[in-house]
Amino acid sequence: FIQQHPFYYHDKTKKFLVYYIPEDESPEEIIAPAQLAADLEGYTLRYVTELPDFVETVHVFEDGLNDIVIQLLKGYICLHEMQFGSAPPTLICYNPMYKDYPGGDGWTLSFEKVYDIDDIRMETLSQYQYMLIYNRCKELNILCPDKNTYIRVDDEYVLSILNN
């Protein structure tokens, strides 16, 4: 058994801060003191409760992407699978960005679709697909809703902002 403690990743250049807070800890108790101690104006602030989500969120921001758009794309991948009568994956993970070689049509996003331990498939989406969702989210004003507070971007969160 490994004791897990809260920790964070802070990128001052790209202006984001991601906290890992285990499920049994209170985000309000962990984050509040740090928020008061730092000038975080203009930062993207997130917290996660699972270590794989922490790694993924850091990669998303390091790649210059929006985590809300990535979460929507994961939902799109699930719906696309179900549309063709397939069972959706049990887990979808964003992989760090792959850049195409010069002369290509831009960058490509890569996702791992996990169906079971022996069945992991790759899905790629184009820069065009990402930008299509990004621009639609921008029109709906749902890209940066945090307003200097920490939010947890997951399926539940995305559904809540889409239903507003």
Protein backbone atom coordinates (compact mmCIF):
# COMPACT_ATOMS: atom_id res chain seq x y z
CA PHE A 1 0.00 0.00 0.00
CA ILE A 2 1.40 3.37 -1.03
CA GLN A 3 0.29 6.41 0.91
CA GLN A 4 -0.79 9.06 -1.56
CA HIS A 5 -0.51 12.73 -0.67
CA PRO A 6 -1.71 15.77 -2.57
CA PHE A 7 0.79 17.49 -4.85
CA TYR A 8 0.70 19.85 -7.81
CA TYR A 9 2.38 20.74 -11.09
CA HIS A 10 2.92 24.43 -11.82
CA ASP A 11 3.97 25.74 -15.23
CA LYS A 12 4.71 29.46 -14.92
CA THR A 13 5.37 29.90 -18.63
CA LYS A 14 2.12 28.36 -19.87
CA LYS A 15 0.27 29.62 -16.78
CA PHE A 16 -1.45 26.51 -15.49
CA LEU A 17 -1.55 24.69 -12.20
CA VAL A 18 -2.85 21.13 -11.75
CA TYR A 19 -3.42 19.57 -8.33
CA TYR A 20 -3.61 15.87 -7.58
CA ILE A 21 -5.90 15.40 -4.59
CA PRO A 22 -6.82 11.83 -3.58
CA GLU A 23 -10.56 11.09 -3.33
CA ASP A 24 -10.44 10.92 0.47
CA GLU A 25 -9.04 14.47 0.78
CA SER A 26 -11.01 17.72 0.64
CA PRO A 27 -10.07 19.93 -2.34
CA GLU A 28 -11.16 23.02 -0.41
CA GLU A 29 -8.77 22.30 2.46
CA ILE A 30 -5.83 21.49 0.18
CA ILE A 31 -6.20 24.23 -2.42
CA ALA A 32 -7.39 27.23 -0.42
CA PRO A 33 -4.07 28.01 1.33
CA ALA A 34 -2.09 27.75 -1.91
CA GLN A 35 -4.58 29.91 -3.76
CA LEU A 36 -4.23 32.66 -1.20
CA ALA A 37 -0.45 32.51 -1.35
CA ALA A 38 -0.03 32.83 -5.10
CA ASP A 39 -0.95 35.38 -7.73
CA LEU A 40 -2.80 33.16 -10.18
CA GLU A 41 -4.47 35.78 -12.36
CA GLY A 42 -4.84 34.44 -15.89
CA TYR A 43 -3.99 30.87 -14.89
CA THR A 44 -5.86 27.72 -15.83
CA LEU A 45 -6.52 25.95 -12.53
CA ARG A 46 -7.48 22.29 -12.29
CA TYR A 47 -7.59 19.43 -9.83
CA VAL A 48 -7.89 15.70 -10.39
CA THR A 49 -8.46 12.74 -8.09
CA GLU A 50 -6.67 9.99 -10.03
CA LEU A 51 -2.96 9.81 -10.89
CA PRO A 52 -3.54 8.88 -14.57
CA ASP A 53 -5.81 11.94 -14.88
CA PHE A 54 -3.04 14.09 -13.40
CA VAL A 55 -0.51 12.91 -16.00
CA GLU A 56 -3.03 13.33 -18.81
CA THR A 57 -4.07 16.84 -17.74
CA VAL A 58 -0.46 18.00 -17.54
CA HIS A 59 0.22 16.59 -21.03
CA VAL A 60 -2.88 18.31 -22.43
CA PHE A 61 -1.77 21.71 -21.11
CA GLU A 62 1.90 21.19 -22.04
CA ASP A 63 0.73 20.45 -25.58
CA GLY A 64 -1.12 23.78 -25.59
CA LEU A 65 -4.57 22.20 -25.74
CA ASN A 66 -7.79 22.78 -23.83
CA ASP A 67 -8.82 20.01 -21.43
CA ILE A 68 -12.54 20.69 -21.91
CA VAL A 69 -12.17 20.13 -25.66
CA ILE A 70 -10.17 16.94 -25.02
CA GLN A 71 -12.93 15.66 -22.71
CA LEU A 72 -15.54 16.42 -25.38
CA LEU A 73 -13.45 14.57 -27.97
CA LYS A 74 -13.32 11.53 -25.68
CA GLY A 75 -17.12 11.64 -25.52
CA TYR A 76 -17.24 11.91 -29.31
CA ILE A 77 -15.05 8.81 -29.63
CA CYS A 78 -17.42 6.84 -27.34
CA LEU A 79 -20.52 7.98 -29.22
CA HIS A 80 -18.88 7.15 -32.55
CA GLU A 81 -18.22 3.58 -31.35
CA MET A 82 -21.81 3.16 -30.15
CA GLN A 83 -23.21 4.64 -33.38
CA PHE A 84 -21.81 1.64 -35.24
CA GLY A 85 -23.15 -0.87 -32.71
CA SER A 86 -19.85 -1.43 -30.92
CA ALA A 87 -19.45 -1.45 -27.17
CA PRO A 88 -17.71 1.75 -26.08
CA PRO A 89 -14.24 1.52 -24.57
CA THR A 90 -14.04 1.29 -20.78
CA LEU A 91 -11.34 3.97 -20.77
CA ILE A 92 -10.04 6.58 -23.21
CA CYS A 93 -6.66 8.21 -22.56
CA TYR A 94 -5.08 11.16 -24.33
CA ASN A 95 -1.52 10.55 -25.51
CA PRO A 96 0.98 13.40 -25.72
CA MET A 97 0.69 15.17 -29.05
CA TYR A 98 2.17 13.69 -32.17
CA LYS A 99 3.41 16.16 -34.77
CA ASP A 100 3.17 15.27 -38.42
CA TYR A 101 6.22 15.59 -40.62
CA PRO A 102 6.61 18.74 -42.75
CA GLY A 103 4.14 18.84 -45.62
CA GLY A 104 1.41 17.16 -43.58
CA ASP A 105 -1.99 18.59 -42.74
CA GLY A 106 -1.06 19.77 -39.25
CA TRP A 107 -0.80 17.85 -36.01
CA THR A 108 -2.65 14.76 -34.96
CA LEU A 109 -4.14 13.91 -31.58
CA SER A 110 -3.83 10.34 -30.41
CA PHE A 111 -6.06 8.52 -27.93
CA GLU A 112 -5.82 5.02 -26.47
CA LYS A 113 -9.15 3.21 -26.33
CA VAL A 114 -9.09 0.48 -23.69
CA TYR A 115 -11.69 -2.28 -24.05
CA ASP A 116 -9.97 -4.77 -21.76
CA ILE A 117 -6.44 -5.60 -20.67
CA ASP A 118 -5.67 -7.37 -23.97
CA ASP A 119 -7.59 -5.02 -26.26
CA ILE A 120 -6.18 -1.50 -26.55
CA ARG A 121 -6.72 0.39 -29.80
CA MET A 122 -5.49 3.73 -31.05
CA GLU A 123 -7.73 6.50 -32.37
CA THR A 124 -6.35 9.58 -34.05
CA LEU A 125 -8.11 12.87 -34.63
CA SER A 126 -6.89 15.66 -36.84
CA GLN A 127 -6.04 19.25 -36.02
CA TYR A 128 -9.16 20.17 -38.02
CA GLN A 129 -11.40 18.03 -35.78
CA TYR A 130 -9.88 19.53 -32.63
CA MET A 131 -10.25 23.09 -33.94
CA LEU A 132 -13.86 22.45 -35.00
CA ILE A 133 -14.80 21.53 -31.41
CA TYR A 134 -12.56 24.24 -29.93
CA ASN A 135 -14.19 26.98 -32.02
CA ARG A 136 -17.69 25.73 -31.18
CA CYS A 137 -16.81 25.75 -27.47
CA LYS A 138 -15.44 29.26 -27.88
CA GLU A 139 -18.75 30.37 -29.43
CA LEU A 140 -20.60 28.85 -26.46
CA ASN A 141 -18.17 30.54 -24.04
CA ILE A 142 -17.31 27.30 -22.22
CA LEU A 143 -13.54 27.19 -22.71
CA CYS A 144 -12.43 29.09 -19.63
CA PRO A 145 -15.19 28.97 -17.03
CA ASP A 146 -12.97 28.70 -13.96
CA LYS A 147 -12.59 32.43 -13.16
CA ASN A 148 -9.65 31.91 -10.78
CA THR A 149 -11.10 28.84 -9.08
CA TYR A 150 -10.03 25.23 -9.44
CA ILE A 151 -12.34 22.93 -11.35
CA ARG A 152 -12.31 19.21 -12.03
CA VAL A 153 -12.91 18.55 -15.74
CA ASP A 154 -14.47 15.11 -16.20
CA ASP A 155 -17.55 13.69 -17.95
CA GLU A 156 -19.87 14.99 -15.24
CA TYR A 157 -18.42 18.50 -15.51
CA VAL A 158 -18.67 18.56 -19.31
CA LEU A 159 -22.31 17.45 -19.17
CA SER A 160 -23.09 20.18 -16.65
CA ILE A 161 -21.65 22.97 -18.81
CA LEU A 162 -23.35 21.64 -21.94
CA ASN A 163 -26.70 21.56 -20.14
CA ASN A 164 -26.48 25.20 -19.00
